[in-house]
Protein backbone atom coordinates (compact mmCIF):
# COMPACT_ATOMS: atom_id res chain seq x y z
CA MET A 1 88.21 91.45 111.01
CA LYS A 2 92.16 90.49 111.54
CA ASN A 3 94.20 93.67 113.13
CA ASP A 4 95.67 95.33 110.09
CA VAL A 5 97.68 97.46 112.57
CA VAL A 6 101.60 96.70 113.21
CA VAL A 7 102.30 99.84 114.62
CA GLY A 8 102.63 99.90 118.25
CA GLN A 9 102.78 95.83 118.37
CA TYR A 10 105.87 94.11 119.48
CA TYR A 11 107.09 90.69 117.96
CA PRO A 12 109.36 89.29 120.37
CA THR A 13 112.03 87.43 119.08
CA ASN A 14 116.02 86.46 120.05
CA SER A 15 117.14 88.64 117.32
CA VAL A 16 120.45 90.97 116.85
CA ILE A 17 118.21 94.21 116.21
CA HIS A 18 116.04 93.22 119.39
CA ARG A 19 119.13 92.78 121.50
CA LEU A 20 119.82 96.62 120.04
CA ASP A 21 119.98 99.51 122.20
CA PRO A 22 116.24 101.34 122.24
CA ARG A 23 118.13 104.96 121.34
CA THR A 24 120.48 102.89 117.95
CA LYS A 25 117.15 102.08 116.80
CA ILE A 26 115.37 105.26 117.54
CA MET A 27 117.93 107.36 115.79
CA SER A 28 118.31 104.89 113.23
CA THR A 29 114.80 104.98 112.13
CA LEU A 30 114.96 108.87 112.20
CA LEU A 31 118.08 108.65 109.95
CA TYR A 32 115.86 106.88 107.68
CA ILE A 33 112.86 108.59 107.64
CA VAL A 34 114.67 111.80 106.81
CA PHE A 35 116.96 110.07 104.16
CA LEU A 36 113.56 109.01 102.25
CA PHE A 37 113.03 112.07 101.88
CA VAL A 38 116.32 113.04 100.57
CA ALA A 39 116.14 110.53 97.94
CA LYS A 40 114.39 112.28 94.64
CA ASN A 41 114.73 109.22 92.15
CA ILE A 42 113.58 105.10 91.78
CA TRP A 43 117.23 104.60 92.50
CA GLY A 44 116.67 106.14 96.08
CA TYR A 45 113.98 103.48 96.96
CA ILE A 46 115.63 100.74 95.64
CA ALA A 47 118.07 101.12 97.65
CA ALA A 48 115.85 101.85 100.61
CA LEU A 49 113.67 98.65 100.00
CA PHE A 50 116.95 96.59 99.76
CA PHE A 51 118.50 97.97 103.45
CA LEU A 52 114.55 97.89 104.56
CA SER A 53 114.19 94.12 103.56
CA LEU A 54 117.65 93.26 105.31
CA ALA A 55 116.38 94.60 108.40
CA VAL A 56 113.15 92.57 108.18
CA ILE A 57 115.45 89.40 107.01
CA VAL A 58 117.51 89.96 110.55
CA SER A 59 115.07 90.75 112.84
CA LYS A 60 113.51 87.37 112.46
CA VAL A 61 109.76 88.76 112.11
CA PRO A 62 107.69 87.66 109.34
CA VAL A 63 107.55 88.97 106.43
CA GLY A 64 103.90 88.41 106.10
CA TYR A 65 103.37 90.12 109.66
CA VAL A 66 105.20 93.64 108.06
CA LEU A 67 103.33 93.44 105.41
CA ARG A 68 99.72 93.16 106.84
CA GLY A 69 100.62 96.76 107.90
CA LEU A 70 100.42 98.16 104.77
CA LYS A 71 96.80 97.04 103.84
CA GLY A 72 95.40 99.68 106.12
CA VAL A 73 97.42 102.48 104.28
CA VAL A 74 96.22 101.45 100.58
CA PHE A 75 93.19 103.65 100.63
CA ILE A 76 95.50 106.71 101.33
CA VAL A 77 98.46 105.65 99.11
CA CYS A 78 95.58 105.53 95.74
CA MET A 79 94.10 108.84 96.71
CA THR A 80 98.14 109.96 97.11
CA LEU A 81 98.49 108.95 93.50
CA VAL A 82 95.19 110.56 92.07
CA PHE A 83 95.77 113.54 93.75
CA ASN A 84 99.54 113.81 92.17
CA LEU A 85 98.41 112.74 88.86
CA ILE A 86 95.96 115.34 88.22
CA TRP A 87 97.18 118.33 90.62
CA THR A 88 100.86 118.40 89.63
CA PRO A 89 100.95 120.81 86.74
CA GLY A 90 103.47 120.17 83.89
CA GLU A 91 104.43 118.54 80.27
CA ALA A 92 101.34 117.04 79.52
CA LEU A 93 100.78 113.09 78.69
CA LEU A 94 97.19 112.69 78.40
CA THR A 95 94.06 114.79 78.33
CA LEU A 96 90.89 113.40 79.62
CA GLY A 97 88.37 116.18 79.37
CA PRO A 98 89.30 118.98 82.42
CA ILE A 99 91.77 116.05 83.82
CA ILE A 100 95.51 116.59 82.57
CA ILE A 101 98.05 113.52 83.26
CA THR A 102 101.44 115.34 83.27
CA ARG A 103 105.31 113.88 83.41
CA GLN A 104 105.52 115.73 86.81
CA GLY A 105 102.38 114.06 88.03
CA VAL A 106 103.37 110.60 87.50
CA MET A 107 107.17 111.05 88.81
CA ALA A 108 105.71 113.05 92.16
CA SER A 109 102.83 110.37 92.72
CA ILE A 110 105.60 106.94 91.81
CA ASN A 111 107.66 109.06 94.26
CA MET A 112 105.12 109.45 97.06
CA ALA A 113 103.82 105.87 96.89
CA PHE A 114 107.20 104.68 97.40
CA ARG A 115 107.75 107.16 100.18
CA LEU A 116 104.64 106.47 102.42
CA LEU A 117 105.29 102.56 101.90
CA LEU A 118 108.91 102.53 102.66
CA LEU A 119 107.79 105.08 105.96
CA ILE A 120 105.00 102.68 107.39
CA THR A 121 107.10 99.54 106.90
CA GLY A 122 110.18 101.30 108.35
CA THR A 123 108.36 102.76 111.57
CA SER A 124 106.51 99.63 111.76
CA MET A 125 109.86 97.85 112.12
CA MET A 126 111.17 99.71 115.09
CA SER A 127 107.86 99.38 117.37
CA LEU A 128 108.02 95.37 116.06
CA CYS A 129 111.32 95.12 117.73
CA THR A 130 111.37 97.49 120.61
CA ALA A 131 109.05 96.60 123.84
CA THR A 132 107.01 99.58 125.01
CA ILE A 133 108.94 100.07 128.06
CA ALA A 134 112.63 100.30 126.06
CA LEU A 135 110.77 102.23 123.70
CA THR A 136 110.20 104.96 126.22
CA ASP A 137 113.29 104.40 128.05
CA GLY A 138 115.08 105.18 124.81
CA ILE A 139 112.46 108.46 123.72
CA GLU A 140 113.21 109.80 127.29
CA ALA A 141 117.09 109.07 127.31
CA LEU A 142 117.54 110.74 123.80
CA ILE A 143 115.08 113.80 124.32
CA LYS A 144 117.19 114.19 127.87
CA LYS A 145 119.87 115.81 125.86
CA VAL A 146 117.46 118.26 124.27
CA PRO A 147 118.17 121.53 126.38
CA PHE A 148 114.89 123.07 126.21
CA LEU A 149 113.04 119.27 127.07
CA GLY A 150 115.05 117.63 129.30
CA LYS A 151 113.05 118.77 132.27
CA VAL A 152 110.27 116.97 130.76
CA SER A 153 111.63 114.47 128.83
CA HIS A 154 109.78 112.09 130.81
CA GLU A 155 106.44 112.86 130.42
CA ILE A 156 106.86 113.23 126.84
CA SER A 157 108.24 109.93 126.46
CA MET A 158 105.24 108.28 128.62
CA MET A 159 102.79 110.54 126.50
CA MET A 160 104.50 109.01 123.21
CA SER A 161 104.64 105.23 124.03
CA ILE A 162 101.37 105.63 126.02
CA ALA A 163 99.77 106.84 122.37
CA LEU A 164 101.80 103.88 120.17
CA ARG A 165 99.98 101.43 122.92
CA PHE A 166 97.13 102.95 122.15
CA ILE A 167 96.95 102.14 118.41
CA PRO A 168 96.13 98.77 118.85
CA SER A 169 93.93 98.92 121.35
CA LEU A 170 92.03 101.09 119.88
CA THR A 171 91.83 99.14 116.33
CA GLU A 172 90.52 96.54 118.41
CA GLU A 173 87.72 98.06 119.67
CA LEU A 174 86.97 99.39 116.69
CA ASP A 175 86.71 96.19 115.18
CA ARG A 176 84.58 95.11 118.32
CA ILE A 177 82.05 98.14 117.31
CA MET A 178 82.02 97.40 113.70
CA LYS A 179 80.68 93.61 114.51
CA ALA A 180 78.27 95.14 116.50
CA GLN A 181 76.75 97.18 113.88
CA LYS A 182 77.04 94.58 111.59
CA SER A 183 74.84 92.45 113.51
CA ARG A 184 72.44 95.21 113.87
CA GLY A 185 72.54 95.27 109.75
CA ALA A 186 75.50 98.28 109.14
CA ASP A 187 76.69 97.82 105.84
CA PHE A 188 80.46 98.49 105.61
CA GLU A 189 81.02 96.50 102.82
CA SER A 190 79.19 98.51 99.76
CA LYS A 191 80.56 99.13 96.33
CA ASN A 192 79.06 102.51 97.14
CA LEU A 193 81.68 104.59 97.94
CA VAL A 194 79.53 107.57 99.61
CA LYS A 195 77.13 104.53 101.52
CA ARG A 196 80.19 103.07 102.72
CA ILE A 197 81.94 106.18 104.15
CA LYS A 198 78.60 107.28 105.63
CA SER A 199 78.49 104.05 107.80
CA TYR A 200 81.71 104.50 109.19
CA VAL A 201 80.41 107.74 110.78
CA PRO A 202 78.21 106.08 113.88
CA LEU A 203 81.40 104.55 114.78
CA LEU A 204 83.09 107.62 115.81
CA VAL A 205 80.74 108.46 118.81
CA PRO A 206 81.38 104.93 120.93
CA LEU A 207 85.03 104.97 119.47
CA PHE A 208 86.03 107.96 120.78
CA VAL A 209 83.99 107.50 123.98
CA SER A 210 85.83 104.51 124.60
CA ALA A 211 88.54 105.86 124.15
CA PHE A 212 87.73 108.61 126.75
CA GLN A 213 87.12 105.85 129.10
CA ARG A 214 90.74 104.10 128.46
CA ALA A 215 92.18 107.66 129.31
CA ASN A 216 90.68 108.03 132.20
CA ASP A 217 91.02 104.34 133.94
CA LEU A 218 94.79 104.76 133.07
CA ALA A 219 94.96 107.61 134.34
CA MET A 220 93.12 106.67 137.95
CA ALA A 221 95.53 104.02 138.13
CA MET A 222 98.29 105.98 137.57
CA GLU A 223 97.17 108.45 140.45
CA ALA A 224 96.35 105.27 142.70
CA ARG A 225 100.35 103.66 142.52
CA CYS A 226 101.38 107.39 143.21
CA TYR A 227 102.96 107.84 139.76
CA LYS A 228 105.15 111.31 140.52
CA GLY A 229 106.59 111.24 136.72
CA GLY A 230 110.54 110.51 136.47
CA GLU A 231 111.82 112.02 139.79
CA GLY A 232 113.53 109.71 142.01
CA ARG A 233 112.13 106.84 139.82
CA THR A 234 114.81 104.21 139.78
CA ARG A 235 115.18 101.47 136.39
CA LEU A 236 115.67 97.44 136.09
CA ARG A 237 118.20 98.12 133.20
CA ILE A 238 120.45 100.94 132.64
CA LEU A 239 120.63 102.02 129.06
CA LYS A 240 124.27 101.33 128.14
CA TYR A 241 125.92 101.58 124.00
CA GLN A 242 127.47 97.84 123.06
CA LYS A 243 129.49 97.17 120.37
CA ILE A 244 127.08 95.42 118.42
CA ASP A 245 125.39 99.42 118.69
CA PHE A 246 128.15 101.17 117.15
CA ALA A 247 128.26 98.07 114.11
CA ALA A 248 124.43 98.74 113.72
CA TYR A 249 125.18 103.17 113.29
CA ILE A 250 128.13 102.08 110.83
CA ILE A 251 126.03 99.79 108.90
CA VAL A 252 122.84 102.27 108.91
CA ALA A 253 125.10 105.23 107.84
CA LEU A 254 126.46 103.48 105.00
CA ALA A 255 122.83 102.84 104.01
CA MET A 256 122.20 106.17 104.25
CA GLY A 257 125.17 107.48 102.17
CA CYS A 258 123.90 104.58 99.60
CA ILE A 259 120.71 106.39 99.46
CA PHE A 260 122.27 109.81 99.14
CA ALA A 261 124.69 108.82 96.09
CA THR A 262 121.60 107.67 94.14
CA ARG A 263 120.26 111.36 94.20
CA TYR A 264 123.28 111.83 91.53
CA ILE A 265 122.25 108.70 89.47
CA PRO A 266 120.12 109.68 86.21
CA PHE A 267 116.94 108.32 85.87
CA LYS A 268 113.88 109.16 83.18
CA LEU A 269 110.91 107.23 83.52
CA ILE A 270 108.98 108.62 80.36
């Protein structure tokens, strides 16, 4: 099974976005997430999709590689659509026994689907264009500016970077365990949803054991190398904003302004 999780993976290439300061990419991603929730109609999501598509083109990351990360969330998106359709009260459009599909439910489903897909793709782009070490340095530099978190900025950034790094590792481990279970007769492709869910339960124990073992090995390796956190730690690369970073901030600000402006564009689907 091919690994469809791209969050936490780095795609090395020489692009403008790859050369940006990690702080620029982190802040741009945070602004992007905020304005995804600010958008309230289809025009806002179209604007977000347009700017995200430009970012993908400029980053030189293959489009297929970016879209591959959406395969793992198709089920979540579909369940979200269903829940919003049947549980949102409002003006009834269709009645199927006890199930009532409302106009507000349709709109909520469309909004949530676009929001989830754009959110996952946007955050994936940040990790694809930023090496783990650079991402850690960027997070630490930003957290240092927070009054109550400045003293533990290195620890927080290290935990976040390790968590991101473990995502593809755990996915590969899950793939290995599934292949081992399949060789013993496990059925992960049953058409019966209940049976398929039950077949995934035996994967949890070995997956958690593997995760704890990896965490223990990492802790022992850090202790063996006398790791003491950020105290007295030197850096090979000192973060420094360049002209390209200020230009990127201006472009992101314009893009977010366009997304915000779409709130005032009338739109009626039904």
